[in-house]
């Protein structure tokens, strides 16, 4: 069946995701695509079906790296690519119904990050972690590990929401989602990609900039992923659906509200970038580039938009079908 023949699951209209910013692309894109294609075989064992693995390999992770880290150094991006692909695969595992509520997963993940994952499905993480650690200062590595542990705690907190051990509401979601999104360590890798260490600014203007970028990524992803994760996946961990549940808003009203929150974060991060110490501004600029690249990749990859080729549009009328999102003017 074509998208037009399928039943319409939802529809809304929306303006641009960003008013002032545009994505950039790393000039090493083609090399990155080849490098990620080589690495996929190392995560095959994390997928219970061959079709699931093949779908994963079509998600444009080379594009992810090029858009998220447009000024990154190739050798650093190779490390980041191995790390990112592995954690995307693990994210799929942990949001899969068979993994939800399996409390043994998360201690094994923590051990893998710190180098002790022998005999677990997560052995693959440890050598990548050691490579990244060898190129970070001790303070930068400590920040990175703290952020990874926050993500794993966020995974567990979202599991509690999914199985009813904690409330399915916005306050609970706001506590769990910043960690579970993985965006904090992903934004720290902006520093790694450039070969710089912004640890001296981690609790100053850089902290607010990263906090702001993380919420931008959450708000906008919850709109883009609504079809995949809520309509198809029945996942309660989504700001759009929680806002509808708590306020009685319809889909259009909820999307407009969450979109407005995203635009506020764009305005704020540009203020922070303009007023930052010049040394901190280098890291903040990389964070801004990644914030925009995150959204660009989510449209280019079928991970959220679905099958078929994206029209190139992000604003207009969104029609949500079972297999794809179609955007028209």
Protein backbone atom coordinates (compact mmCIF):
# COMPACT_ATOMS: atom_id res chain seq x y z
CA UNK A 1 0.00 0.00 0.00
CA UNK A 2 1.21 3.53 -0.65
CA UNK A 3 1.27 6.17 2.05
CA UNK A 4 -1.84 7.80 0.56
CA UNK A 5 -3.81 4.51 0.69
CA UNK A 6 -2.95 3.85 4.30
CA UNK A 7 -5.17 5.17 7.08
CA UNK A 8 -4.12 8.55 8.38
CA UNK A 9 -2.98 8.17 11.99
CA UNK A 10 -2.56 11.86 12.76
CA UNK A 11 -2.05 15.27 11.18
CA UNK A 12 -0.83 18.70 12.25
CA UNK A 13 0.73 21.86 10.85
CA UNK A 14 3.90 23.45 12.10
CA UNK A 15 6.37 26.22 11.33
CA UNK A 16 10.17 25.94 11.07
CA UNK A 17 12.12 24.11 13.75
CA UNK A 18 14.71 26.89 13.87
CA UNK A 19 14.32 30.57 13.08
CA UNK A 20 17.98 31.60 12.93
CA UNK A 21 20.13 28.50 12.56
CA UNK A 22 20.99 26.16 9.68
CA UNK A 23 22.85 22.81 9.71
CA UNK A 24 26.45 22.37 8.61
CA UNK A 25 28.05 19.21 7.22
CA UNK A 26 31.50 17.79 7.85
CA UNK A 27 33.60 17.63 4.64
CA UNK A 28 34.58 14.02 5.48
CA UNK A 29 31.01 12.75 5.02
CA UNK A 30 31.79 10.05 2.46
CA UNK A 31 34.66 8.65 4.52
CA UNK A 32 32.41 8.61 7.57
CA UNK A 33 29.72 6.70 5.68
CA UNK A 34 32.25 4.03 4.70
CA UNK A 35 33.63 3.85 8.23
CA UNK A 36 30.20 3.38 9.82
CA UNK A 37 29.24 0.73 7.27
CA UNK A 38 32.29 -1.29 8.30
CA UNK A 39 31.38 -1.05 11.99
CA UNK A 40 27.79 -2.29 11.72
CA UNK A 41 28.81 -5.97 11.80
CA UNK A 42 30.14 -5.50 15.33
CA UNK A 43 26.65 -4.73 16.66
CA UNK A 44 24.77 -7.38 14.70
CA UNK A 45 24.53 -9.62 17.78
CA UNK A 46 22.42 -6.99 19.56
CA UNK A 47 19.53 -7.48 17.11
CA UNK A 48 17.20 -10.45 17.54
CA UNK A 49 16.21 -10.48 13.85
CA UNK A 50 18.05 -9.95 10.58
CA UNK A 51 15.35 -7.56 9.37
CA UNK A 52 15.81 -5.42 12.48
CA UNK A 53 19.56 -5.29 11.88
CA UNK A 54 19.11 -4.37 8.20
CA UNK A 55 16.68 -1.61 9.11
CA UNK A 56 19.23 -0.27 11.60
CA UNK A 57 21.99 -0.15 8.97
CA UNK A 58 19.82 2.09 6.78
CA UNK A 59 19.60 4.83 9.40
CA UNK A 60 22.39 7.04 7.98
CA UNK A 61 24.80 7.08 10.92
CA UNK A 62 27.53 8.51 8.72
CA UNK A 63 25.23 11.47 8.09
CA UNK A 64 24.65 11.63 11.84
CA UNK A 65 28.35 12.18 12.50
CA UNK A 66 28.81 14.68 9.67
CA UNK A 67 25.84 16.81 10.78
CA UNK A 68 26.42 16.57 14.53
CA UNK A 69 30.15 17.31 14.43
CA UNK A 70 30.70 19.41 11.28
CA UNK A 71 34.16 20.62 12.35
CA UNK A 72 35.26 17.36 13.99
CA UNK A 73 38.60 15.70 13.30
CA UNK A 74 38.34 12.42 11.32
CA UNK A 75 40.16 10.20 13.85
CA UNK A 76 38.00 11.53 16.68
CA UNK A 77 34.85 11.05 14.61
CA UNK A 78 35.79 7.41 14.01
CA UNK A 79 35.79 6.84 17.78
CA UNK A 80 32.53 8.74 18.20
CA UNK A 81 30.95 6.76 15.37
CA UNK A 82 31.76 3.43 17.01
CA UNK A 83 30.35 4.71 20.30
CA UNK A 84 27.21 6.27 18.83
CA UNK A 85 26.28 3.25 16.69
CA UNK A 86 26.68 0.92 19.66
CA UNK A 87 24.49 3.04 21.89
CA UNK A 88 21.80 3.48 19.23
CA UNK A 89 21.68 -0.30 19.01
CA UNK A 90 21.48 -0.59 22.80
CA UNK A 91 18.77 2.08 22.90
CA UNK A 92 16.70 -0.04 20.53
CA UNK A 93 17.33 -3.06 22.76
CA UNK A 94 16.26 -1.18 25.89
CA UNK A 95 13.06 0.22 24.41
CA UNK A 96 12.13 -3.15 22.93
CA UNK A 97 9.37 -4.90 24.83
CA UNK A 98 11.57 -7.90 25.69
CA UNK A 99 14.11 -5.69 27.47
CA UNK A 100 11.75 -3.42 29.40
CA UNK A 101 11.92 -4.16 33.09
CA UNK A 102 15.05 -6.34 32.81
CA UNK A 103 17.00 -4.83 35.70
CA UNK A 104 20.12 -6.87 34.87
CA UNK A 105 20.77 -4.77 31.76
CA UNK A 106 21.75 -1.57 33.46
CA UNK A 107 24.48 -2.77 35.86
CA UNK A 108 26.09 -4.53 32.89
CA UNK A 109 26.02 -1.30 30.89
CA UNK A 110 27.68 0.60 33.74
CA UNK A 111 30.44 -2.00 33.98
CA UNK A 112 31.01 -1.81 30.25
CA UNK A 113 31.55 1.95 30.34
CA UNK A 114 34.19 1.64 33.05
CA UNK A 115 35.90 -1.37 31.46
CA UNK A 116 34.47 -4.48 33.11
CA UNK A 117 31.90 -6.09 30.83
CA UNK A 118 33.30 -9.60 30.43
CA UNK A 119 30.64 -12.14 29.60
CA UNK A 120 27.87 -9.62 28.84
CA UNK A 121 26.30 -8.54 25.53
CA UNK A 122 27.98 -5.19 26.08
CA UNK A 123 31.62 -6.33 25.76
CA UNK A 124 31.78 -4.24 22.60
CA UNK A 125 31.56 -1.01 24.61
CA UNK A 126 34.68 -1.51 26.71
CA UNK A 127 37.44 -1.19 24.05
CA UNK A 128 35.75 1.87 22.56
CA UNK A 129 35.53 3.43 26.02
CA UNK A 130 39.22 2.78 26.61
CA UNK A 131 40.12 4.49 23.34
CA UNK A 132 38.06 7.55 24.17
CA UNK A 133 39.42 7.67 27.72
CA UNK A 134 43.00 7.63 26.41
CA UNK A 135 42.36 10.86 24.49
CA UNK A 136 40.52 12.73 27.29
CA UNK A 137 41.89 14.52 30.33
CA UNK A 138 40.90 12.92 33.68
CA UNK A 139 38.33 15.69 34.44
CA UNK A 140 36.80 15.36 30.98
CA UNK A 141 36.59 11.56 31.32
CA UNK A 142 34.98 11.88 34.75
CA UNK A 143 32.35 14.18 33.27
CA UNK A 144 31.76 11.71 30.46
CA UNK A 145 31.31 8.73 32.79
CA UNK A 146 28.93 10.71 35.00
CA UNK A 147 26.83 11.54 31.95
CA UNK A 148 26.81 7.93 30.78
CA UNK A 149 25.63 6.81 34.21
CA UNK A 150 22.93 9.47 34.16
CA UNK A 151 21.74 8.06 30.84
CA UNK A 152 21.58 4.52 32.19
CA UNK A 153 19.66 5.77 35.23
CA UNK A 154 17.33 7.55 32.81
CA UNK A 155 16.76 4.31 30.91
CA UNK A 156 15.67 2.65 34.16
CA UNK A 157 13.45 5.61 35.14
CA UNK A 158 11.67 5.51 31.78
CA UNK A 159 11.22 1.76 32.15
CA UNK A 160 9.46 2.48 35.44
CA UNK A 161 7.10 4.81 33.61
CA UNK A 162 6.42 2.24 30.90
CA UNK A 163 5.52 -0.58 33.30
CA UNK A 164 3.62 1.59 35.77
CA UNK A 165 6.12 1.64 38.63
CA UNK A 166 6.17 5.45 38.45
CA UNK A 167 3.64 8.04 37.21
CA UNK A 168 3.25 8.66 33.51
CA UNK A 169 3.27 12.44 33.79
CA UNK A 170 5.34 15.44 32.74
CA UNK A 171 7.17 16.00 36.07
CA UNK A 172 8.37 12.38 36.09
CA UNK A 173 9.31 12.60 32.42
CA UNK A 174 11.25 15.85 32.94
CA UNK A 175 13.38 14.11 35.58
CA UNK A 176 14.07 11.00 33.50
CA UNK A 177 14.36 12.25 29.94
CA UNK A 178 17.43 14.54 30.01
CA UNK A 179 19.54 11.61 31.15
CA UNK A 180 17.90 8.90 29.06
CA UNK A 181 18.18 10.98 25.89
CA UNK A 182 21.96 10.50 25.90
CA UNK A 183 22.33 14.08 24.74
CA UNK A 184 24.56 15.25 27.60
CA UNK A 185 27.44 12.94 26.72
CA UNK A 186 26.73 13.46 23.03
CA UNK A 187 27.21 17.21 23.49
CA UNK A 188 30.37 16.61 25.53
CA UNK A 189 31.70 14.71 22.52
CA UNK A 190 31.61 18.04 20.65
CA UNK A 191 34.71 18.87 22.67
CA UNK A 192 36.24 15.48 21.94
CA UNK A 193 35.58 15.86 18.21
CA UNK A 194 37.52 19.14 18.17
CA UNK A 195 40.30 17.89 20.42
CA UNK A 196 39.56 20.47 23.13
CA UNK A 197 38.71 20.20 26.82
CA UNK A 198 36.12 22.66 28.16
CA UNK A 199 36.09 21.16 31.66
CA UNK A 200 37.05 24.51 33.27
CA UNK A 201 33.76 25.95 31.93
CA UNK A 202 31.58 22.90 32.65
CA UNK A 203 29.79 24.55 35.57
CA UNK A 204 29.64 28.05 34.08
CA UNK A 205 28.03 29.32 30.87
CA UNK A 206 28.71 26.04 29.08
CA UNK A 207 26.46 24.19 31.52
CA UNK A 208 23.42 26.34 30.80
CA UNK A 209 24.11 26.17 27.07
CA UNK A 210 24.23 22.37 27.16
CA UNK A 211 21.12 22.18 29.38
CA UNK A 212 19.32 24.37 26.85
CA UNK A 213 20.50 22.32 23.87
CA UNK A 214 19.47 19.06 25.54
CA UNK A 215 15.92 20.30 26.01
CA UNK A 216 15.83 21.62 22.45
CA UNK A 217 16.74 18.13 21.25
CA UNK A 218 14.11 16.54 23.49
CA UNK A 219 11.27 18.85 22.49
CA UNK A 220 11.91 18.61 18.76
CA UNK A 221 12.61 14.88 18.76
CA UNK A 222 9.34 14.26 20.59
CA UNK A 223 7.53 15.91 17.70
CA UNK A 224 9.50 14.13 14.97
CA UNK A 225 9.32 10.73 16.68
CA UNK A 226 5.64 10.95 17.72
CA UNK A 227 4.49 8.68 14.87
CA UNK A 228 7.14 6.02 15.52
CA UNK A 229 7.26 6.01 19.29
CA UNK A 230 3.72 6.91 20.36
CA UNK A 231 1.33 5.99 17.55
CA UNK A 232 3.18 2.79 16.64
CA UNK A 233 5.26 2.00 19.72
CA UNK A 234 2.70 3.06 22.36
CA UNK A 235 5.55 4.58 24.34
CA UNK A 236 4.27 6.92 27.09
CA UNK A 237 7.65 8.70 27.32
CA UNK A 238 6.95 11.58 24.94
CA UNK A 239 6.29 15.23 25.80
CA UNK A 240 3.63 15.68 23.10
CA UNK A 241 1.52 12.76 24.28
CA UNK A 242 1.98 13.59 27.97
CA UNK A 243 0.89 17.19 27.34
CA UNK A 244 -2.24 15.92 25.58
CA UNK A 245 -2.94 13.54 28.46
CA UNK A 246 -2.50 16.16 31.19
CA UNK A 247 -4.20 19.15 29.57
CA UNK A 248 -6.82 17.61 27.27
CA UNK A 249 -5.15 19.29 24.27
CA UNK A 250 -5.52 17.75 20.83
CA UNK A 251 -2.49 16.78 18.73
CA UNK A 252 -2.28 20.14 16.96
CA UNK A 253 -2.40 22.09 20.22
CA UNK A 254 0.21 19.84 21.83
CA UNK A 255 2.61 20.08 18.90
CA UNK A 256 2.23 23.87 18.81
CA UNK A 257 3.03 24.04 22.53
CA UNK A 258 6.09 21.77 22.37
CA UNK A 259 7.32 23.49 19.20
CA UNK A 260 7.11 26.83 21.03
CA UNK A 261 9.24 25.42 23.85
CA UNK A 262 11.82 24.40 21.26
CA UNK A 263 11.94 27.87 19.73
CA UNK A 264 12.51 29.37 23.18
CA UNK A 265 15.57 27.18 23.65
CA UNK A 266 16.98 28.36 20.31
CA UNK A 267 16.62 31.99 21.40
CA UNK A 268 18.24 31.32 24.76
CA UNK A 269 21.24 29.39 23.48
CA UNK A 270 22.05 32.14 20.99
CA UNK A 271 22.03 34.64 23.85
CA UNK A 272 24.41 32.43 25.81
CA UNK A 273 26.70 31.96 22.82
CA UNK A 274 26.93 35.70 22.21
CA UNK A 275 27.76 36.52 25.82
CA UNK A 276 30.16 33.66 26.57
CA UNK A 277 33.83 33.87 27.44
CA UNK A 278 35.76 33.46 24.14
CA UNK A 279 37.29 30.15 25.25
CA UNK A 280 33.92 28.73 26.31
CA UNK A 281 32.34 30.03 23.11
CA UNK A 282 34.32 27.49 21.07
CA UNK A 283 32.56 24.64 22.87
CA UNK A 284 29.18 26.40 22.87
CA UNK A 285 29.39 26.98 19.11
CA UNK A 286 30.04 23.27 18.61
CA UNK A 287 27.02 22.51 20.83
CA UNK A 288 24.86 24.84 18.72
CA UNK A 289 26.06 23.15 15.52
CA UNK A 290 25.18 19.75 16.95
CA UNK A 291 21.78 20.95 18.18
CA UNK A 292 20.83 21.91 14.62
CA UNK A 293 22.50 18.86 13.10
CA UNK A 294 20.48 16.59 15.39
CA UNK A 295 17.23 17.76 13.83
CA UNK A 296 18.60 17.67 10.27
CA UNK A 297 19.68 14.06 10.69
CA UNK A 298 16.32 13.02 12.12
CA UNK A 299 14.73 14.07 8.83
CA UNK A 300 17.37 12.42 6.64
CA UNK A 301 17.27 9.11 8.52
CA UNK A 302 14.33 6.68 8.32
CA UNK A 303 14.74 6.04 12.08
CA UNK A 304 11.94 8.50 12.87
CA UNK A 305 10.47 9.70 9.57
CA UNK A 306 9.98 6.20 8.21
CA UNK A 307 10.31 4.62 4.79
CA UNK A 308 10.62 6.44 1.50
CA UNK A 309 12.59 9.55 0.68
CA UNK A 310 12.18 12.72 2.70
CA UNK A 311 10.72 15.62 0.67
CA UNK A 312 13.18 18.13 2.13
CA UNK A 313 10.44 20.02 3.93
CA UNK A 314 10.23 20.48 7.71
CA UNK A 315 7.40 22.99 7.96
CA UNK A 316 3.87 22.75 6.66
CA UNK A 317 1.34 19.95 7.06
CA UNK A 318 2.55 16.71 8.62
CA UNK A 319 0.58 13.55 7.79
CA UNK A 320 1.44 10.53 9.92
CA UNK A 321 1.00 7.10 8.33
CA UNK A 322 2.01 3.69 9.65
CA UNK A 323 5.17 3.47 7.56
CA UNK A 324 6.18 7.12 7.12
CA UNK A 325 5.68 10.78 7.86
CA UNK A 326 4.77 12.93 4.84
CA UNK A 327 5.31 16.71 5.00
CA UNK A 328 3.77 19.03 2.41
CA UNK A 329 3.31 22.77 2.09
